[in-house]
Amino acid sequence: MRVLAIDTALAACSAAVLDTERGGIVASESVPMMRGHAEALIPLLERVMEQSGMALADIDRVAVTTGPGSFTGLRVGISAARGIALAANKPAVGVSTLSAYAAPHLTADSATPVVSAIDARHEHVYLQVFAAGGRTTTTPRLATLREAVQATSPSPACIVGSAAQSVAAAIPKSSTPPASVDERPAPDIAWVARLGAVAPEGQSPPKPQYLRAPDAQPQNAAQLPRR
């Protein structure tokens, strides 16, 4: 299977091509950035596709991170993925950002629980907890930092994601320390591609998984009266 993977959910603009018949990732690029995903994504995709030696028609499916993450970033990546899939007449599948963070650790060590946490600001995180073996024990949700700390016990857990260090620092010294802490600004795009390759077929088109309302709200009090 050939998968084009896209990630603009957090602090990177990334794309990769996975070809399972050729043994794995054949092209990838990831550029750290907090803003500007919309301007950077299409040129980046062109470079990755050229590096892969394939055309979009050769791709079997498009995978894209659906969140949680930046409101603007999610819309950029999902719009691009759905547009490419429609133009190439290929399916598009969504991949959770939290799962993409956790996947390499669950694969490397199936005996250690994984707490995946993304910074949601204001002492909150987007949280998902995976038990040993990869079973989901907490579905993706918005949680307080205290709730995230509670999720790391009683067993030593691997804490991953952009808020990993914040969660680890909030663990009381009297509690069990984490098994490991892996804080990175965005998930590895190779794992987005791998999860996209095994995603079930027949899904509805990818949609953003925001988990919280936007900070910006309509200023109803300032509305002008309609005539």
C-alpha atoms as a PDB file:
ATOM      1  CA  MET A   1       0.000   0.000   0.000  1.00  0.00           C
ATOM      2  CA  ARG A   2       1.107   3.528  -0.811  1.00  0.00           C
ATOM      3  CA  VAL A   3       0.044   6.219   1.639  1.00  0.00           C
ATOM      4  CA  LEU A   4       0.542   9.973   1.467  1.00  0.00           C
ATOM      5  CA  ALA A   5       0.515  11.286   5.051  1.00  0.00           C
ATOM      6  CA  ILE A   6      -0.042  14.926   6.025  1.00  0.00           C
ATOM      7  CA  ASP A   7       0.298  16.617   9.405  1.00  0.00           C
ATOM      8  CA  THR A   8      -0.290  20.302  10.112  1.00  0.00           C
ATOM      9  CA  ALA A   9      -2.081  19.873  13.455  1.00  0.00           C
ATOM     10  CA  LEU A  10       0.603  21.301  15.724  1.00  0.00           C
ATOM     11  CA  ALA A  11       4.038  22.928  15.496  1.00  0.00           C
ATOM     12  CA  ALA A  12       5.214  21.368  12.226  1.00  0.00           C
ATOM     13  CA  CYS A  13       4.247  21.075   8.598  1.00  0.00           C
ATOM     14  CA  SER A  14       4.972  17.502   7.573  1.00  0.00           C
ATOM     15  CA  ALA A  15       4.340  14.998   4.806  1.00  0.00           C
ATOM     16  CA  ALA A  16       5.566  11.513   4.001  1.00  0.00           C
ATOM     17  CA  VAL A  17       4.983   8.728   1.510  1.00  0.00           C
ATOM     18  CA  LEU A  18       4.831   5.171   2.800  1.00  0.00           C
ATOM     19  CA  ASP A  19       5.183   2.257   0.383  1.00  0.00           C
ATOM     20  CA  THR A  20       4.723  -1.026   2.216  1.00  0.00           C
ATOM     21  CA  GLU A  21       5.916  -3.028  -0.794  1.00  0.00           C
ATOM     22  CA  ARG A  22       9.205  -1.108  -0.836  1.00  0.00           C
ATOM     23  CA  GLY A  23       9.724  -1.570   2.882  1.00  0.00           C
ATOM     24  CA  GLY A  24       8.569   1.656   4.491  1.00  0.00           C
ATOM     25  CA  ILE A  25       8.904   5.421   4.185  1.00  0.00           C
ATOM     26  CA  VAL A  26      10.298   6.394   0.780  1.00  0.00           C
ATOM     27  CA  ALA A  27      10.062  10.174   1.167  1.00  0.00           C
ATOM     28  CA  SER A  28       9.376  12.592   3.999  1.00  0.00           C
ATOM     29  CA  GLU A  29       9.896  16.163   5.121  1.00  0.00           C
ATOM     30  CA  SER A  30       9.000  17.981   8.317  1.00  0.00           C
ATOM     31  CA  VAL A  31       9.439  21.712   8.854  1.00  0.00           C
ATOM     32  CA  PRO A  32       8.978  23.119  12.383  1.00  0.00           C
ATOM     33  CA  MET A  33       6.527  26.034  12.436  1.00  0.00           C
ATOM     34  CA  MET A  34       3.824  27.506  14.612  1.00  0.00           C
ATOM     35  CA  ARG A  35       2.109  29.455  11.817  1.00  0.00           C
ATOM     36  CA  GLY A  36       2.176  29.547   8.045  1.00  0.00           C
ATOM     37  CA  HIS A  37       1.091  25.956   7.375  1.00  0.00           C
ATOM     38  CA  ALA A  38      -1.242  27.041   4.571  1.00  0.00           C
ATOM     39  CA  GLU A  39       1.577  28.688   2.629  1.00  0.00           C
ATOM     40  CA  ALA A  40       4.120  25.928   3.311  1.00  0.00           C
ATOM     41  CA  LEU A  41       2.075  22.777   2.757  1.00  0.00           C
ATOM     42  CA  ILE A  42       1.614  22.620  -1.027  1.00  0.00           C
ATOM     43  CA  PRO A  43       5.286  23.304  -1.907  1.00  0.00           C
ATOM     44  CA  LEU A  44       6.283  20.751   0.739  1.00  0.00           C
ATOM     45  CA  LEU A  45       3.926  18.159  -0.746  1.00  0.00           C
ATOM     46  CA  GLU A  46       5.383  18.781  -4.190  1.00  0.00           C
ATOM     47  CA  ARG A  47       8.902  18.160  -2.884  1.00  0.00           C
ATOM     48  CA  VAL A  48       7.908  14.982  -1.067  1.00  0.00           C
ATOM     49  CA  MET A  49       6.059  13.571  -4.076  1.00  0.00           C
ATOM     50  CA  GLU A  50       9.045  14.351  -6.315  1.00  0.00           C
ATOM     51  CA  GLN A  51      11.377  12.660  -3.830  1.00  0.00           C
ATOM     52  CA  SER A  52       9.143   9.579  -3.792  1.00  0.00           C
ATOM     53  CA  GLY A  53       9.194   9.249  -7.569  1.00  0.00           C
ATOM     54  CA  MET A  54       5.414   8.847  -7.618  1.00  0.00           C
ATOM     55  CA  ALA A  55       2.449  10.773  -8.914  1.00  0.00           C
ATOM     56  CA  LEU A  56      -0.656  11.403  -6.842  1.00  0.00           C
ATOM     57  CA  ALA A  57      -2.445   8.860  -9.031  1.00  0.00           C
ATOM     58  CA  ASP A  58      -0.056   6.194  -7.687  1.00  0.00           C
ATOM     59  CA  ILE A  59      -1.170   6.784  -4.076  1.00  0.00           C
ATOM     60  CA  ASP A  60      -3.663   4.306  -2.608  1.00  0.00           C
ATOM     61  CA  ARG A  61      -4.906   6.580   0.173  1.00  0.00           C
ATOM     62  CA  VAL A  62      -4.266   9.891   1.900  1.00  0.00           C
ATOM     63  CA  ALA A  63      -3.875  10.023   5.691  1.00  0.00           C
ATOM     64  CA  VAL A  64      -4.105  13.219   7.724  1.00  0.00           C
ATOM     65  CA  THR A  65      -3.995  14.117  11.408  1.00  0.00           C
ATOM     66  CA  THR A  66      -7.439  15.170  12.596  1.00  0.00           C
ATOM     67  CA  GLY A  67      -6.530  16.530  15.998  1.00  0.00           C
ATOM     68  CA  PRO A  68      -6.634  17.590  18.600  1.00  0.00           C
ATOM     69  CA  GLY A  69      -4.444  20.496  17.657  1.00  0.00           C
ATOM     70  CA  SER A  70      -4.464  24.010  16.265  1.00  0.00           C
ATOM     71  CA  PHE A  71      -7.825  25.080  14.871  1.00  0.00           C
ATOM     72  CA  THR A  72      -6.227  26.674  11.810  1.00  0.00           C
ATOM     73  CA  GLY A  73      -3.622  23.951  11.319  1.00  0.00           C
ATOM     74  CA  LEU A  74      -6.210  21.185  11.372  1.00  0.00           C
ATOM     75  CA  ARG A  75      -8.322  22.879   8.740  1.00  0.00           C
ATOM     76  CA  VAL A  76      -5.289  23.365   6.488  1.00  0.00           C
ATOM     77  CA  GLY A  77      -4.212  19.725   6.561  1.00  0.00           C
ATOM     78  CA  ILE A  78      -7.672  18.187   6.355  1.00  0.00           C
ATOM     79  CA  SER A  79      -8.733  20.459   3.499  1.00  0.00           C
ATOM     80  CA  ALA A  80      -5.604  19.545   1.553  1.00  0.00           C
ATOM     81  CA  ALA A  81      -6.023  15.819   2.206  1.00  0.00           C
ATOM     82  CA  ARG A  82      -9.670  15.798   1.185  1.00  0.00           C
ATOM     83  CA  GLY A  83      -8.931  17.862  -1.914  1.00  0.00           C
ATOM     84  CA  ILE A  84      -6.094  15.575  -3.024  1.00  0.00           C
ATOM     85  CA  ALA A  85      -8.178  12.464  -2.355  1.00  0.00           C
ATOM     86  CA  LEU A  86     -11.087  13.846  -4.352  1.00  0.00           C
ATOM     87  CA  ALA A  87      -8.888  14.872  -7.288  1.00  0.00           C
ATOM     88  CA  ALA A  88      -7.080  11.510  -7.338  1.00  0.00           C
ATOM     89  CA  ASN A  89     -10.256   9.512  -6.666  1.00  0.00           C
ATOM     90  CA  LYS A  90      -8.636   7.889  -3.621  1.00  0.00           C
ATOM     91  CA  PRO A  91      -9.891   7.493  -0.041  1.00  0.00           C
ATOM     92  CA  ALA A  92      -8.822   9.849   2.729  1.00  0.00           C
ATOM     93  CA  VAL A  93      -8.501   8.620   6.318  1.00  0.00           C
ATOM     94  CA  GLY A  94      -8.060  10.448   9.595  1.00  0.00           C
ATOM     95  CA  VAL A  95      -5.422   9.731  12.243  1.00  0.00           C
ATOM     96  CA  SER A  96      -5.659  10.994  15.823  1.00  0.00           C
ATOM     97  CA  THR A  97      -2.743  13.210  16.811  1.00  0.00           C
ATOM     98  CA  LEU A  98      -2.721  11.606  20.258  1.00  0.00           C
ATOM     99  CA  SER A  99      -2.514   8.105  18.733  1.00  0.00           C
ATOM    100  CA  ALA A 100       0.292   9.192  16.426  1.00  0.00           C
ATOM    101  CA  TYR A 101       2.272  10.409  19.443  1.00  0.00           C
ATOM    102  CA  ALA A 102       1.692   7.143  21.311  1.00  0.00           C
ATOM    103  CA  ALA A 103       2.170   4.624  18.482  1.00  0.00           C
ATOM    104  CA  PRO A 104       5.994   4.374  18.413  1.00  0.00           C
ATOM    105  CA  HIS A 105       6.163   3.880  22.174  1.00  0.00           C
ATOM    106  CA  LEU A 106       3.415   1.254  22.235  1.00  0.00           C
ATOM    107  CA  THR A 107       5.180  -0.591  19.434  1.00  0.00           C
ATOM    108  CA  ALA A 108       8.591  -0.472  21.105  1.00  0.00           C
ATOM    109  CA  ASP A 109       7.347  -1.448  24.571  1.00  0.00           C
ATOM    110  CA  SER A 110       3.952  -3.120  24.847  1.00  0.00           C
ATOM    111  CA  ALA A 111       4.303  -3.584  28.628  1.00  0.00           C
ATOM    112  CA  THR A 112       4.339   0.104  29.598  1.00  0.00           C
ATOM    113  CA  PRO A 113       1.226   2.321  29.636  1.00  0.00           C
ATOM    114  CA  VAL A 114       1.373   5.479  27.550  1.00  0.00           C
ATOM    115  CA  VAL A 115      -0.129   8.837  28.476  1.00  0.00           C
ATOM    116  CA  SER A 116      -0.433  11.067  25.434  1.00  0.00           C
ATOM    117  CA  ALA A 117      -0.847  14.763  26.252  1.00  0.00           C
ATOM    118  CA  ILE A 118      -0.994  17.843  24.032  1.00  0.00           C
ATOM    119  CA  ASP A 119      -0.811  21.376  25.390  1.00  0.00           C
ATOM    120  CA  ALA A 120      -4.287  22.962  25.400  1.00  0.00           C
ATOM    121  CA  ARG A 121      -3.175  26.067  27.358  1.00  0.00           C
ATOM    122  CA  HIS A 122      -4.630  27.468  30.582  1.00  0.00           C
ATOM    123  CA  GLU A 123      -3.452  24.474  32.675  1.00  0.00           C
ATOM    124  CA  HIS A 124      -5.300  22.023  30.427  1.00  0.00           C
ATOM    125  CA  VAL A 125      -4.182  19.286  28.056  1.00  0.00           C
ATOM    126  CA  TYR A 126      -5.731  17.112  25.391  1.00  0.00           C
ATOM    127  CA  LEU A 127      -5.384  13.662  26.903  1.00  0.00           C
ATOM    128  CA  GLN A 128      -5.576  10.011  25.918  1.00  0.00           C
ATOM    129  CA  VAL A 129      -4.340   7.062  27.975  1.00  0.00           C
ATOM    130  CA  PHE A 130      -3.268   3.697  26.569  1.00  0.00           C
ATOM    131  CA  ALA A 131      -2.839   0.664  28.804  1.00  0.00           C
ATOM    132  CA  ALA A 132      -0.058  -1.863  28.345  1.00  0.00           C
ATOM    133  CA  GLY A 133      -0.639  -3.589  25.038  1.00  0.00           C
ATOM    134  CA  GLY A 134      -2.189  -0.505  23.437  1.00  0.00           C
ATOM    135  CA  ARG A 135      -5.753  -0.802  24.751  1.00  0.00           C
ATOM    136  CA  THR A 136      -7.381   2.615  25.120  1.00  0.00           C
ATOM    137  CA  THR A 137      -8.403   3.324  28.712  1.00  0.00           C
ATOM    138  CA  THR A 138      -9.261   7.003  28.244  1.00  0.00           C
ATOM    139  CA  THR A 139     -10.762   8.327  25.031  1.00  0.00           C
ATOM    140  CA  PRO A 140      -9.449  11.655  23.714  1.00  0.00           C
ATOM    141  CA  ARG A 141     -10.679  14.489  25.913  1.00  0.00           C
ATOM    142  CA  LEU A 142      -9.852  17.876  27.337  1.00  0.00           C
ATOM    143  CA  ALA A 143      -8.479  17.460  30.865  1.00  0.00           C
ATOM    144  CA  THR A 144      -6.893  19.537  33.582  1.00  0.00           C
ATOM    145  CA  LEU A 145      -3.196  19.151  34.245  1.00  0.00           C
ATOM    146  CA  ARG A 146      -4.090  17.548  37.568  1.00  0.00           C
ATOM    147  CA  GLU A 147      -6.240  14.931  35.820  1.00  0.00           C
ATOM    148  CA  ALA A 148      -3.370  14.194  33.448  1.00  0.00           C
ATOM    149  CA  VAL A 149      -1.044  13.646  36.399  1.00  0.00           C
ATOM    150  CA  GLN A 150      -3.536  11.254  37.972  1.00  0.00           C
ATOM    151  CA  ALA A 151      -3.617   9.295  34.715  1.00  0.00           C
ATOM    152  CA  THR A 152       0.117   8.517  35.022  1.00  0.00           C
ATOM    153  CA  SER A 153      -0.381   6.320  38.103  1.00  0.00           C
ATOM    154  CA  PRO A 154      -0.299   3.791  39.657  1.00  0.00           C
ATOM    155  CA  SER A 155       2.007   2.088  37.123  1.00  0.00           C
ATOM    156  CA  PRO A 156       4.990   4.016  35.748  1.00  0.00           C
ATOM    157  CA  ALA A 157       3.875   5.374  32.389  1.00  0.00           C
ATOM    158  CA  CYS A 158       5.572   6.766  29.335  1.00  0.00           C
ATOM    159  CA  ILE A 159       4.389  10.372  28.899  1.00  0.00           C
ATOM    160  CA  VAL A 160       4.461  11.669  25.333  1.00  0.00           C
ATOM    161  CA  GLY A 161       3.297  14.742  23.438  1.00  0.00           C
ATOM    162  CA  SER A 162       3.826  18.478  23.437  1.00  0.00           C
ATOM    163  CA  ALA A 163       2.675  18.701  27.088  1.00  0.00           C
ATOM    164  CA  ALA A 164       4.692  15.709  28.296  1.00  0.00           C
ATOM    165  CA  GLN A 165       7.213  17.751  30.244  1.00  0.00           C
ATOM    166  CA  SER A 166       4.483  19.850  31.882  1.00  0.00           C
ATOM    167  CA  VAL A 167       2.677  16.722  33.045  1.00  0.00           C
ATOM    168  CA  ALA A 168       5.888  15.123  34.299  1.00  0.00           C
ATOM    169  CA  ALA A 169       6.894  18.269  36.194  1.00  0.00           C
ATOM    170  CA  ALA A 170       3.525  18.344  37.968  1.00  0.00           C
ATOM    171  CA  ILE A 171       3.880  14.811  39.362  1.00  0.00           C
ATOM    172  CA  PRO A 172       4.506  14.999  43.131  1.00  0.00           C
ATOM    173  CA  LYS A 173       7.932  13.817  44.237  1.00  0.00           C
ATOM    174  CA  SER A 174       6.251  11.292  46.516  1.00  0.00           C
ATOM    175  CA  SER A 175       4.510   9.640  43.567  1.00  0.00           C
ATOM    176  CA  THR A 176       5.836   7.077  41.103  1.00  0.00           C
ATOM    177  CA  PRO A 177       8.034   8.824  38.533  1.00  0.00           C
ATOM    178  CA  PRO A 178       7.265   8.333  34.836  1.00  0.00           C
ATOM    179  CA  ALA A 179       8.955   5.510  32.953  1.00  0.00           C
ATOM    180  CA  SER A 180      10.031   8.030  30.314  1.00  0.00           C
ATOM    181  CA  VAL A 181       9.138  11.478  28.995  1.00  0.00           C
ATOM    182  CA  ASP A 182       9.113  12.270  25.274  1.00  0.00           C
ATOM    183  CA  GLU A 183       8.164  15.867  24.573  1.00  0.00           C
ATOM    184  CA  ARG A 184       8.213  16.859  20.935  1.00  0.00           C
ATOM    185  CA  PRO A 185       6.304  19.625  19.130  1.00  0.00           C
ATOM    186  CA  ALA A 186       4.580  17.305  16.649  1.00  0.00           C
ATOM    187  CA  PRO A 187       4.192  13.559  16.091  1.00  0.00           C
ATOM    188  CA  ASP A 188       6.532  11.655  13.796  1.00  0.00           C
ATOM    189  CA  ILE A 189       5.011  11.854  10.313  1.00  0.00           C
ATOM    190  CA  ALA A 190       6.189   8.303   9.585  1.00  0.00           C
ATOM    191  CA  TRP A 191       3.814   7.021  12.249  1.00  0.00           C
ATOM    192  CA  VAL A 192       0.953   9.062  10.824  1.00  0.00           C
ATOM    193  CA  ALA A 193       1.581   7.217   7.564  1.00  0.00           C
ATOM    194  CA  ARG A 194       1.760   3.810   9.258  1.00  0.00           C
ATOM    195  CA  LEU A 195      -1.456   4.374  11.188  1.00  0.00           C
ATOM    196  CA  GLY A 196      -3.083   5.610   8.000  1.00  0.00           C
ATOM    197  CA  ALA A 197      -2.112   2.389   6.242  1.00  0.00           C
ATOM    198  CA  VAL A 198      -3.927   0.236   8.813  1.00  0.00           C
ATOM    199  CA  ALA A 199      -6.951   2.490   9.275  1.00  0.00           C
ATOM    200  CA  PRO A 200     -10.227   0.727   8.396  1.00  0.00           C
ATOM    201  CA  GLU A 201     -11.629   1.345   4.953  1.00  0.00           C
ATOM    202  CA  GLY A 202     -15.002   2.927   4.385  1.00  0.00           C
ATOM    203  CA  GLN A 203     -14.553   5.765   6.874  1.00  0.00           C
ATOM    204  CA  SER A 204     -16.326   9.055   6.339  1.00  0.00           C
ATOM    205  CA  PRO A 205     -14.079  11.880   5.110  1.00  0.00           C
ATOM    206  CA  PRO A 206     -11.710  13.149   7.852  1.00  0.00           C
ATOM    207  CA  LYS A 207     -13.105  15.858  10.109  1.00  0.00           C
ATOM    208  CA  PRO A 208     -11.350  17.980  12.755  1.00  0.00           C
ATOM    209  CA  GLN A 209     -11.349  16.651  16.306  1.00  0.00           C
ATOM    210  CA  TYR A 210     -11.199  19.908  18.241  1.00  0.00           C
ATOM    211  CA  LEU A 211     -12.275  18.715  21.744  1.00  0.00           C
ATOM    212  CA  ARG A 212     -12.858  22.319  22.847  1.00  0.00           C
ATOM    213  CA  ALA A 213     -14.600  25.445  21.632  1.00  0.00           C
ATOM    214  CA  PRO A 214     -12.453  28.129  19.979  1.00  0.00           C
ATOM    215  CA  ASP A 215     -11.082  30.910  22.190  1.00  0.00           C
ATOM    216  CA  ALA A 216     -12.287  33.523  19.720  1.00  0.00           C
ATOM    217  CA  GLN A 217     -16.035  34.105  20.083  1.00  0.00           C
ATOM    218  CA  PRO A 218     -18.426  36.343  18.144  1.00  0.00           C
ATOM    219  CA  GLN A 219     -18.766  39.800  19.680  1.00  0.00           C
ATOM    220  CA  ASN A 220     -22.555  39.803  19.836  1.00  0.00           C
ATOM    221  CA  ALA A 221     -22.661  42.893  22.021  1.00  0.00           C
ATOM    222  CA  ALA A 222     -20.923  44.890  19.298  1.00  0.00           C
ATOM    223  CA  GLN A 223     -23.238  43.861  16.490  1.00  0.00           C
ATOM    224  CA  LEU A 224     -24.854  46.635  14.527  1.00  0.00           C
ATOM    225  CA  PRO A 225     -28.659  46.558  14.350  1.00  0.00           C
ATOM    226  CA  ARG A 226     -30.029  45.152  11.126  1.00  0.00           C
ATOM    227  CA  ARG A 227     -32.253  47.300   8.983  1.00  0.00           C
END
